[in-house]
PDB file of N, CA and C in Angstrom:
ATOM      1  N   UNK A   1     -14.654  14.413  17.951  1.00  0.00           N
ATOM      2  CA  UNK A   1     -13.819  13.418  17.270  1.00  0.00           C
ATOM      3  C   UNK A   1     -13.951  13.631  15.771  1.00  0.00           C
ATOM      4  N   UNK A   2     -12.851  13.551  15.089  1.00  0.00           N
ATOM      5  CA  UNK A   2     -12.866  13.797  13.648  1.00  0.00           C
ATOM      6  C   UNK A   2     -13.417  12.588  12.896  1.00  0.00           C
ATOM      7  N   UNK A   3     -13.810  12.830  11.659  1.00  0.00           N
ATOM      8  CA  UNK A   3     -14.318  11.754  10.814  1.00  0.00           C
ATOM      9  C   UNK A   3     -13.257  10.680  10.596  1.00  0.00           C
ATOM     10  N   UNK A   4     -11.994  11.094  10.442  1.00  0.00           N
ATOM     11  CA  UNK A   4     -10.905  10.123  10.246  1.00  0.00           C
ATOM     12  C   UNK A   4     -10.815   9.181  11.435  1.00  0.00           C
ATOM     13  N   UNK A   5     -10.942   9.728  12.631  1.00  0.00           N
ATOM     14  CA  UNK A   5     -10.906   8.884  13.832  1.00  0.00           C
ATOM     15  C   UNK A   5     -12.100   7.948  13.864  1.00  0.00           C
ATOM     16  N   UNK A   6     -13.279   8.454  13.516  1.00  0.00           N
ATOM     17  CA  UNK A   6     -14.477   7.615  13.490  1.00  0.00           C
ATOM     18  C   UNK A   6     -14.296   6.433  12.546  1.00  0.00           C
ATOM     19  N   UNK A   7     -13.765   6.709  11.351  1.00  0.00           N
ATOM     20  CA  UNK A   7     -13.564   5.663  10.353  1.00  0.00           C
ATOM     21  C   UNK A   7     -12.566   4.630  10.875  1.00  0.00           C
ATOM     22  N   UNK A   8     -11.483   5.087  11.496  1.00  0.00           N
ATOM     23  CA  UNK A   8     -10.478   4.162  12.025  1.00  0.00           C
ATOM     24  C   UNK A   8     -11.035   3.323  13.166  1.00  0.00           C
ATOM     25  N   UNK A   9     -11.729   3.968  14.109  1.00  0.00           N
ATOM     26  CA  UNK A   9     -12.318   3.212  15.218  1.00  0.00           C
ATOM     27  C   UNK A   9     -13.307   2.171  14.705  1.00  0.00           C
ATOM     28  N   UNK A  10     -14.123   2.564  13.748  1.00  0.00           N
ATOM     29  CA  UNK A  10     -15.112   1.631  13.192  1.00  0.00           C
ATOM     30  C   UNK A  10     -14.419   0.464  12.497  1.00  0.00           C
ATOM     31  N   UNK A  11     -13.381   0.764  11.717  1.00  0.00           N
ATOM     32  CA  UNK A  11     -12.672  -0.304  11.000  1.00  0.00           C
ATOM     33  C   UNK A  11     -12.006  -1.269  11.969  1.00  0.00           C
ATOM     34  N   UNK A  12     -11.451  -0.752  13.045  1.00  0.00           N
ATOM     35  CA  UNK A  12     -10.718  -1.609  13.980  1.00  0.00           C
ATOM     36  C   UNK A  12     -11.595  -2.173  15.092  1.00  0.00           C
ATOM     37  N   UNK A  13     -12.874  -1.797  15.112  1.00  0.00           N
ATOM     38  CA  UNK A  13     -13.777  -2.310  16.148  1.00  0.00           C
ATOM     39  C   UNK A  13     -14.058  -3.801  15.967  1.00  0.00           C
ATOM     40  N   UNK A  14     -13.996  -4.263  14.737  1.00  0.00           N
ATOM     41  CA  UNK A  14     -14.269  -5.673  14.454  1.00  0.00           C
ATOM     42  C   UNK A  14     -13.016  -6.504  14.741  1.00  0.00           C
ATOM     43  N   UNK A  15     -13.143  -7.561  15.567  1.00  0.00           N
ATOM     44  CA  UNK A  15     -11.962  -8.359  15.923  1.00  0.00           C
ATOM     45  C   UNK A  15     -11.304  -9.057  14.730  1.00  0.00           C
ATOM     46  N   UNK A  16     -12.083  -9.447  13.736  1.00  0.00           N
ATOM     47  CA  UNK A  16     -11.499 -10.090  12.558  1.00  0.00           C
ATOM     48  C   UNK A  16     -10.666  -9.087  11.766  1.00  0.00           C
ATOM     49  N   UNK A  17     -11.197  -7.872  11.623  1.00  0.00           N
ATOM     50  CA  UNK A  17     -10.433  -6.842  10.908  1.00  0.00           C
ATOM     51  C   UNK A  17      -9.159  -6.492  11.664  1.00  0.00           C
ATOM     52  N   UNK A  18      -9.258  -6.388  12.992  1.00  0.00           N
ATOM     53  CA  UNK A  18      -8.054  -6.102  13.780  1.00  0.00           C
ATOM     54  C   UNK A  18      -7.020  -7.188  13.583  1.00  0.00           C
ATOM     55  N   UNK A  19      -7.468  -8.446  13.591  1.00  0.00           N
ATOM     56  CA  UNK A  19      -6.545  -9.571  13.414  1.00  0.00           C
ATOM     57  C   UNK A  19      -5.896  -9.530  12.030  1.00  0.00           C
ATOM     58  N   UNK A  20      -6.665  -9.203  11.013  1.00  0.00           N
ATOM     59  CA  UNK A  20      -6.122  -9.101   9.660  1.00  0.00           C
ATOM     60  C   UNK A  20      -5.089  -7.979   9.609  1.00  0.00           C
ATOM     61  N   UNK A  21      -5.428  -6.820  10.169  1.00  0.00           N
ATOM     62  CA  UNK A  21      -4.496  -5.689  10.168  1.00  0.00           C
ATOM     63  C   UNK A  21      -3.213  -6.049  10.933  1.00  0.00           C
ATOM     64  N   UNK A  22      -3.362  -6.680  12.091  1.00  0.00           N
ATOM     65  CA  UNK A  22      -2.192  -7.080  12.880  1.00  0.00           C
ATOM     66  C   UNK A  22      -1.332  -8.075  12.106  1.00  0.00           C
ATOM     67  N   UNK A  23      -1.973  -8.998  11.409  1.00  0.00           N
ATOM     68  CA  UNK A  23      -1.218  -9.971  10.615  1.00  0.00           C
ATOM     69  C   UNK A  23      -0.455  -9.287   9.498  1.00  0.00           C
ATOM     70  N   UNK A  24      -1.097  -8.338   8.840  1.00  0.00           N
ATOM     71  CA  UNK A  24      -0.410  -7.604   7.779  1.00  0.00           C
ATOM     72  C   UNK A  24       0.750  -6.777   8.344  1.00  0.00           C
ATOM     73  N   UNK A  25       0.576  -6.247   9.538  1.00  0.00           N
ATOM     74  CA  UNK A  25       1.660  -5.486  10.175  1.00  0.00           C
ATOM     75  C   UNK A  25       2.851  -6.393  10.483  1.00  0.00           C
ATOM     76  N   UNK A  26       2.571  -7.591  10.963  1.00  0.00           N
ATOM     77  CA  UNK A  26       3.669  -8.474  11.367  1.00  0.00           C
ATOM     78  C   UNK A  26       4.258  -9.268  10.202  1.00  0.00           C
ATOM     79  N   UNK A  27       3.416  -9.698   9.254  1.00  0.00           N
ATOM     80  CA  UNK A  27       3.882 -10.572   8.176  1.00  0.00           C
ATOM     81  C   UNK A  27       4.248  -9.827   6.896  1.00  0.00           C
ATOM     82  N   UNK A  28       3.862  -8.585   6.805  1.00  0.00           N
ATOM     83  CA  UNK A  28       4.118  -7.852   5.569  1.00  0.00           C
ATOM     84  C   UNK A  28       3.046  -8.136   4.535  1.00  0.00           C
ATOM     85  N   UNK A  29       3.426  -8.073   3.294  1.00  0.00           N
ATOM     86  CA  UNK A  29       2.492  -8.203   2.178  1.00  0.00           C
ATOM     87  C   UNK A  29       1.999  -9.644   2.010  1.00  0.00           C
ATOM     88  N   UNK A  30       0.671  -9.819   1.940  1.00  0.00           N
ATOM     89  CA  UNK A  30       0.076 -11.149   1.729  1.00  0.00           C
ATOM     90  C   UNK A  30      -1.146 -11.025   0.829  1.00  0.00           C
ATOM     91  N   UNK A  31      -1.567 -12.162   0.301  1.00  0.00           N
ATOM     92  CA  UNK A  31      -2.770 -12.222  -0.538  1.00  0.00           C
ATOM     93  C   UNK A  31      -3.972 -12.587   0.328  1.00  0.00           C
ATOM     94  N   UNK A  32      -5.160 -12.402  -0.244  1.00  0.00           N
ATOM     95  CA  UNK A  32      -6.385 -12.777   0.470  1.00  0.00           C
ATOM     96  C   UNK A  32      -6.358 -14.264   0.805  1.00  0.00           C
ATOM     97  N   UNK A  33      -5.903 -15.091  -0.126  1.00  0.00           N
ATOM     98  CA  UNK A  33      -5.895 -16.537   0.128  1.00  0.00           C
ATOM     99  C   UNK A  33      -5.013 -16.878   1.326  1.00  0.00           C
ATOM    100  N   UNK A  34      -3.943 -16.120   1.549  1.00  0.00           N
ATOM    101  CA  UNK A  34      -3.082 -16.377   2.703  1.00  0.00           C
ATOM    102  C   UNK A  34      -3.745 -15.929   4.004  1.00  0.00           C
ATOM    103  N   UNK A  35      -4.748 -15.071   3.913  1.00  0.00           N
ATOM    104  CA  UNK A  35      -5.443 -14.578   5.107  1.00  0.00           C
ATOM    105  C   UNK A  35      -6.646 -15.434   5.489  1.00  0.00           C
ATOM    106  N   UNK A  36      -7.133 -16.250   4.569  1.00  0.00           N
ATOM    107  CA  UNK A  36      -8.381 -16.990   4.792  1.00  0.00           C
ATOM    108  C   UNK A  36      -8.281 -17.969   5.954  1.00  0.00           C
ATOM    109  N   UNK A  37      -7.303 -18.860   5.944  1.00  0.00           N
ATOM    110  CA  UNK A  37      -7.219 -19.899   6.981  1.00  0.00           C
ATOM    111  C   UNK A  37      -7.059 -19.314   8.379  1.00  0.00           C
ATOM    112  N   UNK A  38      -6.112 -18.393   8.612  1.00  0.00           N
ATOM    113  CA  UNK A  38      -5.968 -17.861   9.970  1.00  0.00           C
ATOM    114  C   UNK A  38      -7.187 -17.077  10.445  1.00  0.00           C
ATOM    115  N   UNK A  39      -7.901 -16.448   9.516  1.00  0.00           N
ATOM    116  CA  UNK A  39      -9.072 -15.661   9.893  1.00  0.00           C
ATOM    117  C   UNK A  39     -10.248 -16.553  10.254  1.00  0.00           C
ATOM    118  N   UNK A  40     -10.255 -17.782   9.747  1.00  0.00           N
ATOM    119  CA  UNK A  40     -11.346 -18.711  10.043  1.00  0.00           C
ATOM    120  C   UNK A  40     -12.655 -18.332   9.384  1.00  0.00           C
ATOM    121  N   UNK A  41     -12.569 -17.573   8.285  1.00  0.00           N
ATOM    122  CA  UNK A  41     -13.766 -17.172   7.553  1.00  0.00           C
ATOM    123  C   UNK A  41     -13.530 -17.391   6.059  1.00  0.00           C
ATOM    124  N   UNK A  42     -14.587 -17.219   5.276  1.00  0.00           N
ATOM    125  CA  UNK A  42     -14.504 -17.471   3.838  1.00  0.00           C
ATOM    126  C   UNK A  42     -13.806 -16.325   3.097  1.00  0.00           C
ATOM    127  N   UNK A  43     -13.462 -16.589   1.839  1.00  0.00           N
ATOM    128  CA  UNK A  43     -12.801 -15.588   1.001  1.00  0.00           C
ATOM    129  C   UNK A  43     -13.652 -14.325   0.853  1.00  0.00           C
ATOM    130  N   UNK A  44     -14.974 -14.441   0.591  1.00  0.00           N
ATOM    131  CA  UNK A  44     -15.768 -13.212   0.477  1.00  0.00           C
ATOM    132  C   UNK A  44     -15.772 -12.383   1.767  1.00  0.00           C
ATOM    133  N   UNK A  45     -15.754 -13.059   2.904  1.00  0.00           N
ATOM    134  CA  UNK A  45     -15.749 -12.341   4.186  1.00  0.00           C
ATOM    135  C   UNK A  45     -14.409 -11.629   4.383  1.00  0.00           C
ATOM    136  N   UNK A  46     -13.304 -12.310   4.080  1.00  0.00           N
ATOM    137  CA  UNK A  46     -11.984 -11.676   4.187  1.00  0.00           C
ATOM    138  C   UNK A  46     -11.914 -10.480   3.238  1.00  0.00           C
ATOM    139  N   UNK A  47     -12.409 -10.641   2.029  1.00  0.00           N
ATOM    140  CA  UNK A  47     -12.409  -9.545   1.060  1.00  0.00           C
ATOM    141  C   UNK A  47     -13.208  -8.350   1.570  1.00  0.00           C
ATOM    142  N   UNK A  48     -14.333  -8.626   2.213  1.00  0.00           N
ATOM    143  CA  UNK A  48     -15.162  -7.561   2.780  1.00  0.00           C
ATOM    144  C   UNK A  48     -14.394  -6.815   3.874  1.00  0.00           C
ATOM    145  N   UNK A  49     -13.691  -7.552   4.724  1.00  0.00           N
ATOM    146  CA  UNK A  49     -12.908  -6.924   5.782  1.00  0.00           C
ATOM    147  C   UNK A  49     -11.744  -6.112   5.202  1.00  0.00           C
ATOM    148  N   UNK A  50     -11.100  -6.651   4.181  1.00  0.00           N
ATOM    149  CA  UNK A  50     -10.008  -5.933   3.512  1.00  0.00           C
ATOM    150  C   UNK A  50     -10.540  -4.624   2.928  1.00  0.00           C
ATOM    151  N   UNK A  51     -11.719  -4.674   2.325  1.00  0.00           N
ATOM    152  CA  UNK A  51     -12.329  -3.483   1.736  1.00  0.00           C
ATOM    153  C   UNK A  51     -12.546  -2.404   2.804  1.00  0.00           C
ATOM    154  N   UNK A  52     -13.045  -2.810   3.978  1.00  0.00           N
ATOM    155  CA  UNK A  52     -13.265  -1.847   5.074  1.00  0.00           C
ATOM    156  C   UNK A  52     -11.937  -1.261   5.557  1.00  0.00           C
ATOM    157  N   UNK A  53     -10.911  -2.100   5.637  1.00  0.00           N
ATOM    158  CA  UNK A  53      -9.593  -1.623   6.051  1.00  0.00           C
ATOM    159  C   UNK A  53      -8.997  -0.673   5.012  1.00  0.00           C
ATOM    160  N   UNK A  54      -9.235  -0.977   3.732  1.00  0.00           N
ATOM    161  CA  UNK A  54      -8.748  -0.095   2.666  1.00  0.00           C
ATOM    162  C   UNK A  54      -9.447   1.258   2.732  1.00  0.00           C
ATOM    163  N   UNK A  55     -10.756   1.251   2.956  1.00  0.00           N
ATOM    164  CA  UNK A  55     -11.514   2.507   3.036  1.00  0.00           C
ATOM    165  C   UNK A  55     -11.022   3.376   4.188  1.00  0.00           C
ATOM    166  N   UNK A  56     -10.541   2.744   5.247  1.00  0.00           N
ATOM    167  CA  UNK A  56     -10.007   3.482   6.399  1.00  0.00           C
ATOM    168  C   UNK A  56      -8.556   3.896   6.173  1.00  0.00           C
ATOM    169  N   UNK A  57      -7.971   3.462   5.068  1.00  0.00           N
ATOM    170  CA  UNK A  57      -6.587   3.800   4.774  1.00  0.00           C
ATOM    171  C   UNK A  57      -5.570   2.927   5.484  1.00  0.00           C
ATOM    172  N   UNK A  58      -6.050   1.851   6.110  1.00  0.00           N
ATOM    173  CA  UNK A  58      -5.169   0.979   6.892  1.00  0.00           C
ATOM    174  C   UNK A  58      -4.478  -0.087   6.061  1.00  0.00           C
ATOM    175  N   UNK A  59      -5.004  -0.343   4.865  1.00  0.00           N
ATOM    176  CA  UNK A  59      -4.465  -1.398   4.000  1.00  0.00           C
ATOM    177  C   UNK A  59      -4.368  -0.849   2.582  1.00  0.00           C
ATOM    178  N   UNK A  60      -3.364  -1.321   1.889  1.00  0.00           N
ATOM    179  CA  UNK A  60      -3.147  -0.940   0.484  1.00  0.00           C
ATOM    180  C   UNK A  60      -2.951  -2.216  -0.321  1.00  0.00           C
ATOM    181  N   UNK A  61      -3.474  -2.226  -1.540  1.00  0.00           N
ATOM    182  CA  UNK A  61      -3.332  -3.386  -2.409  1.00  0.00           C
ATOM    183  C   UNK A  61      -2.411  -3.106  -3.584  1.00  0.00           C
ATOM    184  N   UNK A  62      -1.715  -4.163  -4.014  1.00  0.00           N
ATOM    185  CA  UNK A  62      -0.825  -4.074  -5.185  1.00  0.00           C
ATOM    186  C   UNK A  62      -1.116  -5.274  -6.070  1.00  0.00           C
ATOM    187  N   UNK A  63      -1.523  -5.000  -7.304  1.00  0.00           N
ATOM    188  CA  UNK A  63      -1.824  -6.071  -8.259  1.00  0.00           C
ATOM    189  C   UNK A  63      -0.548  -6.711  -8.778  1.00  0.00           C
ATOM    190  N   UNK A  64      -0.565  -8.024  -8.820  1.00  0.00           N
ATOM    191  CA  UNK A  64       0.508  -8.788  -9.442  1.00  0.00           C
ATOM    192  C   UNK A  64      -0.162  -9.946 -10.169  1.00  0.00           C
ATOM    193  N   UNK A  65      -0.293  -9.794 -11.469  1.00  0.00           N
ATOM    194  CA  UNK A  65      -1.022 -10.799 -12.231  1.00  0.00           C
ATOM    195  C   UNK A  65      -2.478 -10.800 -11.817  1.00  0.00           C
ATOM    196  N   UNK A  66      -2.985 -11.985 -11.471  1.00  0.00           N
ATOM    197  CA  UNK A  66      -4.388 -12.114 -11.063  1.00  0.00           C
ATOM    198  C   UNK A  66      -4.588 -11.924  -9.572  1.00  0.00           C
ATOM    199  N   UNK A  67      -3.507 -11.799  -8.836  1.00  0.00           N
ATOM    200  CA  UNK A  67      -3.618 -11.677  -7.385  1.00  0.00           C
ATOM    201  C   UNK A  67      -3.310 -10.258  -6.920  1.00  0.00           C
ATOM    202  N   UNK A  68      -3.959  -9.903  -5.826  1.00  0.00           N
ATOM    203  CA  UNK A  68      -3.670  -8.635  -5.177  1.00  0.00           C
ATOM    204  C   UNK A  68      -2.929  -8.937  -3.889  1.00  0.00           C
ATOM    205  N   UNK A  69      -1.839  -8.257  -3.698  1.00  0.00           N
ATOM    206  CA  UNK A  69      -1.044  -8.405  -2.482  1.00  0.00           C
ATOM    207  C   UNK A  69      -1.344  -7.203  -1.589  1.00  0.00           C
ATOM    208  N   UNK A  70      -1.748  -7.480  -0.358  1.00  0.00           N
ATOM    209  CA  UNK A  70      -2.146  -6.421   0.562  1.00  0.00           C
ATOM    210  C   UNK A  70      -1.067  -6.198   1.612  1.00  0.00           C
ATOM    211  N   UNK A  71      -0.911  -4.931   1.986  1.00  0.00           N
ATOM    212  CA  UNK A  71       0.043  -4.584   3.032  1.00  0.00           C
ATOM    213  C   UNK A  71      -0.593  -3.561   3.964  1.00  0.00           C
ATOM    214  N   UNK A  72      -0.155  -3.571   5.209  1.00  0.00           N
ATOM    215  CA  UNK A  72      -0.650  -2.637   6.218  1.00  0.00           C
ATOM    216  C   UNK A  72      -0.048  -1.260   5.980  1.00  0.00           C
ATOM    217  N   UNK A  73      -0.790  -0.258   6.346  1.00  0.00           N
ATOM    218  CA  UNK A  73      -0.338   1.129   6.285  1.00  0.00           C
ATOM    219  C   UNK A  73      -0.410   1.695   7.708  1.00  0.00           C
ATOM    220  N   UNK A  74       0.551   1.335   8.560  1.00  0.00           N
ATOM    221  CA  UNK A  74       0.476   1.734   9.974  1.00  0.00           C
ATOM    222  C   UNK A  74       0.459   3.241  10.192  1.00  0.00           C
ATOM    223  N   UNK A  75       0.978   4.020   9.253  1.00  0.00           N
ATOM    224  CA  UNK A  75       0.944   5.480   9.407  1.00  0.00           C
ATOM    225  C   UNK A  75      -0.484   6.011   9.452  1.00  0.00           C
ATOM    226  N   UNK A  76      -1.424   5.229   8.922  1.00  0.00           N
ATOM    227  CA  UNK A  76      -2.830   5.640   8.939  1.00  0.00           C
ATOM    228  C   UNK A  76      -3.386   5.682  10.359  1.00  0.00           C
ATOM    229  N   UNK A  77      -2.670   5.096  11.313  1.00  0.00           N
ATOM    230  CA  UNK A  77      -3.103   5.107  12.711  1.00  0.00           C
ATOM    231  C   UNK A  77      -2.815   6.440  13.399  1.00  0.00           C
ATOM    232  N   UNK A  78      -2.154   7.374  12.723  1.00  0.00           N
ATOM    233  CA  UNK A  78      -1.760   8.649  13.332  1.00  0.00           C
ATOM    234  C   UNK A  78      -2.915   9.369  14.042  1.00  0.00           C
ATOM    235  N   UNK A  79      -4.118   9.464  13.451  1.00  0.00           N
ATOM    236  CA  UNK A  79      -5.201  10.135  14.181  1.00  0.00           C
ATOM    237  C   UNK A  79      -5.557   9.438  15.499  1.00  0.00           C
ATOM    238  N   UNK A  80      -5.451   8.113  15.539  1.00  0.00           N
ATOM    239  CA  UNK A  80      -5.743   7.400  16.790  1.00  0.00           C
ATOM    240  C   UNK A  80      -4.633   7.610  17.809  1.00  0.00           C
ATOM    241  N   UNK A  81      -3.402   7.687  17.333  1.00  0.00           N
ATOM    242  CA  UNK A  81      -2.278   7.931  18.227  1.00  0.00           C
ATOM    243  C   UNK A  81      -2.415   9.324  18.840  1.00  0.00           C
ATOM    244  N   UNK A  82      -2.795  10.295  18.023  1.00  0.00           N
ATOM    245  CA  UNK A  82      -3.018  11.652  18.526  1.00  0.00           C
ATOM    246  C   UNK A  82      -4.134  11.669  19.562  1.00  0.00           C
ATOM    247  N   UNK A  83      -5.231  10.983  19.276  1.00  0.00           N
ATOM    248  CA  UNK A  83      -6.361  10.933  20.198  1.00  0.00           C
ATOM    249  C   UNK A  83      -5.940  10.277  21.508  1.00  0.00           C
ATOM    250  N   UNK A  84      -5.202   9.182  21.417  1.00  0.00           N
ATOM    251  CA  UNK A  84      -4.742   8.477  22.611  1.00  0.00           C
ATOM    252  C   UNK A  84      -3.834   9.372  23.452  1.00  0.00           C
ATOM    253  N   UNK A  85      -2.973  10.130  22.800  1.00  0.00           N
ATOM    254  CA  UNK A  85      -2.088  11.045  23.528  1.00  0.00           C
ATOM    255  C   UNK A  85      -2.902  12.113  24.261  1.00  0.00           C
ATOM    256  N   UNK A  86      -3.931  12.653  23.604  1.00  0.00           N
ATOM    257  CA  UNK A  86      -4.787  13.649  24.264  1.00  0.00           C
ATOM    258  C   UNK A  86      -5.509  13.038  25.462  1.00  0.00           C
ATOM    259  N   UNK A  87      -6.022  11.825  25.292  1.00  0.00           N
ATOM    260  CA  UNK A  87      -6.737  11.177  26.386  1.00  0.00           C
ATOM    261  C   UNK A  87      -5.790  10.824  27.540  1.00  0.00           C
ATOM    262  N   UNK A  88      -4.569  10.446  27.211  1.00  0.00           N
ATOM    263  CA  UNK A  88      -3.578  10.148  28.245  1.00  0.00           C
ATOM    264  C   UNK A  88      -3.310  11.398  29.064  1.00  0.00           C
ATOM    265  N   UNK A  89      -3.138  12.534  28.393  1.00  0.00           N
ATOM    266  CA  UNK A  89      -2.935  13.793  29.099  1.00  0.00           C
ATOM    267  C   UNK A  89      -4.114  14.148  29.970  1.00  0.00           C
ATOM    268  N   UNK A  90      -5.311  13.928  29.465  1.00  0.00           N
ATOM    269  CA  UNK A  90      -6.530  14.195  30.232  1.00  0.00           C
ATOM    270  C   UNK A  90      -6.547  13.379  31.519  1.00  0.00           C
ATOM    271  N   UNK A  91      -6.323  12.067  31.406  1.00  0.00           N
ATOM    272  CA  UNK A  91      -6.394  11.209  32.581  1.00  0.00           C
ATOM    273  C   UNK A  91      -5.236  11.445  33.537  1.00  0.00           C
ATOM    274  N   UNK A  92      -4.054  11.754  33.004  1.00  0.00           N
ATOM    275  CA  UNK A  92      -2.927  12.040  33.891  1.00  0.00           C
ATOM    276  C   UNK A  92      -3.213  13.270  34.736  1.00  0.00           C
ATOM    277  N   UNK A  93      -3.820  14.295  34.144  1.00  0.00           N
ATOM    278  CA  UNK A  93      -4.147  15.493  34.924  1.00  0.00           C
ATOM    279  C   UNK A  93      -5.223  15.180  35.963  1.00  0.00           C
ATOM    280  N   UNK A  94      -6.173  14.321  35.616  1.00  0.00           N
ATOM    281  CA  UNK A  94      -7.213  13.929  36.581  1.00  0.00           C
ATOM    282  C   UNK A  94      -6.605  13.158  37.760  1.00  0.00           C
ATOM    283  N   UNK A  95      -5.679  12.259  37.466  1.00  0.00           N
ATOM    284  CA  UNK A  95      -5.033  11.497  38.534  1.00  0.00           C
ATOM    285  C   UNK A  95      -4.173  12.410  39.403  1.00  0.00           C
ATOM    286  N   UNK A  96      -3.521  13.400  38.783  1.00  0.00           N
ATOM    287  CA  UNK A  96      -2.742  14.363  39.559  1.00  0.00           C
ATOM    288  C   UNK A  96      -3.651  15.153  40.491  1.00  0.00           C
ATOM    289  N   UNK A  97      -4.815  15.578  39.985  1.00  0.00           N
ATOM    290  CA  UNK A  97      -5.793  16.297  40.815  1.00  0.00           C
ATOM    291  C   UNK A  97      -6.270  15.418  41.963  1.00  0.00           C
ATOM    292  N   UNK A  98      -6.533  14.155  41.677  1.00  0.00           N
ATOM    293  CA  UNK A  98      -6.977  13.223  42.720  1.00  0.00           C
ATOM    294  C   UNK A  98      -5.888  13.030  43.768  1.00  0.00           C
ATOM    295  N   UNK A  99      -4.658  12.881  43.313  1.00  0.00           N
ATOM    296  CA  UNK A  99      -3.544  12.720  44.248  1.00  0.00           C
ATOM    297  C   UNK A  99      -3.415  13.944  45.156  1.00  0.00           C
ATOM    298  N   UNK A 100      -3.554  15.138  44.586  1.00  0.00           N
ATOM    299  CA  UNK A 100      -3.507  16.364  45.390  1.00  0.00           C
ATOM    300  C   UNK A 100      -4.635  16.400  46.410  1.00  0.00           C
ATOM    301  N   UNK A 101      -5.823  16.019  45.989  1.00  0.00           N
ATOM    302  CA  UNK A 101      -6.965  15.987  46.892  1.00  0.00           C
ATOM    303  C   UNK A 101      -6.723  15.004  48.032  1.00  0.00           C
ATOM    304  N   UNK A 102      -6.244  13.828  47.728  1.00  0.00           N
ATOM    305  CA  UNK A 102      -6.000  12.819  48.764  1.00  0.00           C
ATOM    306  C   UNK A 102      -4.919  13.286  49.737  1.00  0.00           C
ATOM    307  N   UNK A 103      -3.922  13.976  49.253  1.00  0.00           N
ATOM    308  CA  UNK A 103      -2.878  14.496  50.138  1.00  0.00           C
ATOM    309  C   UNK A 103      -3.460  15.539  51.085  1.00  0.00           C
ATOM    310  N   UNK A 104      -4.322  16.423  50.551  1.00  0.00           N
ATOM    311  CA  UNK A 104      -4.963  17.440  51.409  1.00  0.00           C
ATOM    312  C   UNK A 104      -5.872  16.793  52.435  1.00  0.00           C
ATOM    313  N   UNK A 105      -6.531  15.714  52.062  1.00  0.00           N
ATOM    314  CA  UNK A 105      -7.439  15.032  52.988  1.00  0.00           C
ATOM    315  C   UNK A 105      -6.657  14.341  54.111  1.00  0.00           C
ATOM    316  N   UNK A 106      -5.445  13.894  53.811  1.00  0.00           N
ATOM    317  CA  UNK A 106      -4.621  13.210  54.819  1.00  0.00           C
ATOM    318  C   UNK A 106      -4.034  14.185  55.848  1.00  0.00           C
ATOM    319  N   UNK A 107      -4.013  15.457  55.520  1.00  0.00           N
ATOM    320  CA  UNK A 107      -3.405  16.435  56.441  1.00  0.00           C
ATOM    321  C   UNK A 107      -4.302  16.768  57.584  1.00  0.00           C
TER     322      UNK A 107
END
């Protein structure tokens, strides 16, 4: 597994970070203060999660005055999509092998 995949899996392993990323994907650009109430955690905790998401390339910030507006970067999920496609192919071939075996056993 590549380092990029490791960083993405680690960033998305936390349910709060996943929820923040999903919210940014669905709602578009928002500030930390808009993320605090739905996350059910304090501003420093949300900021910490945003920082981890930024390090993974999943979130980008844009300064506007004193506030930073954050948005999701769904293209950063490409390494996970590639990994999932490889794993899907792996399991599909295993199921095909199992199906062939079961057919031979039925004969």
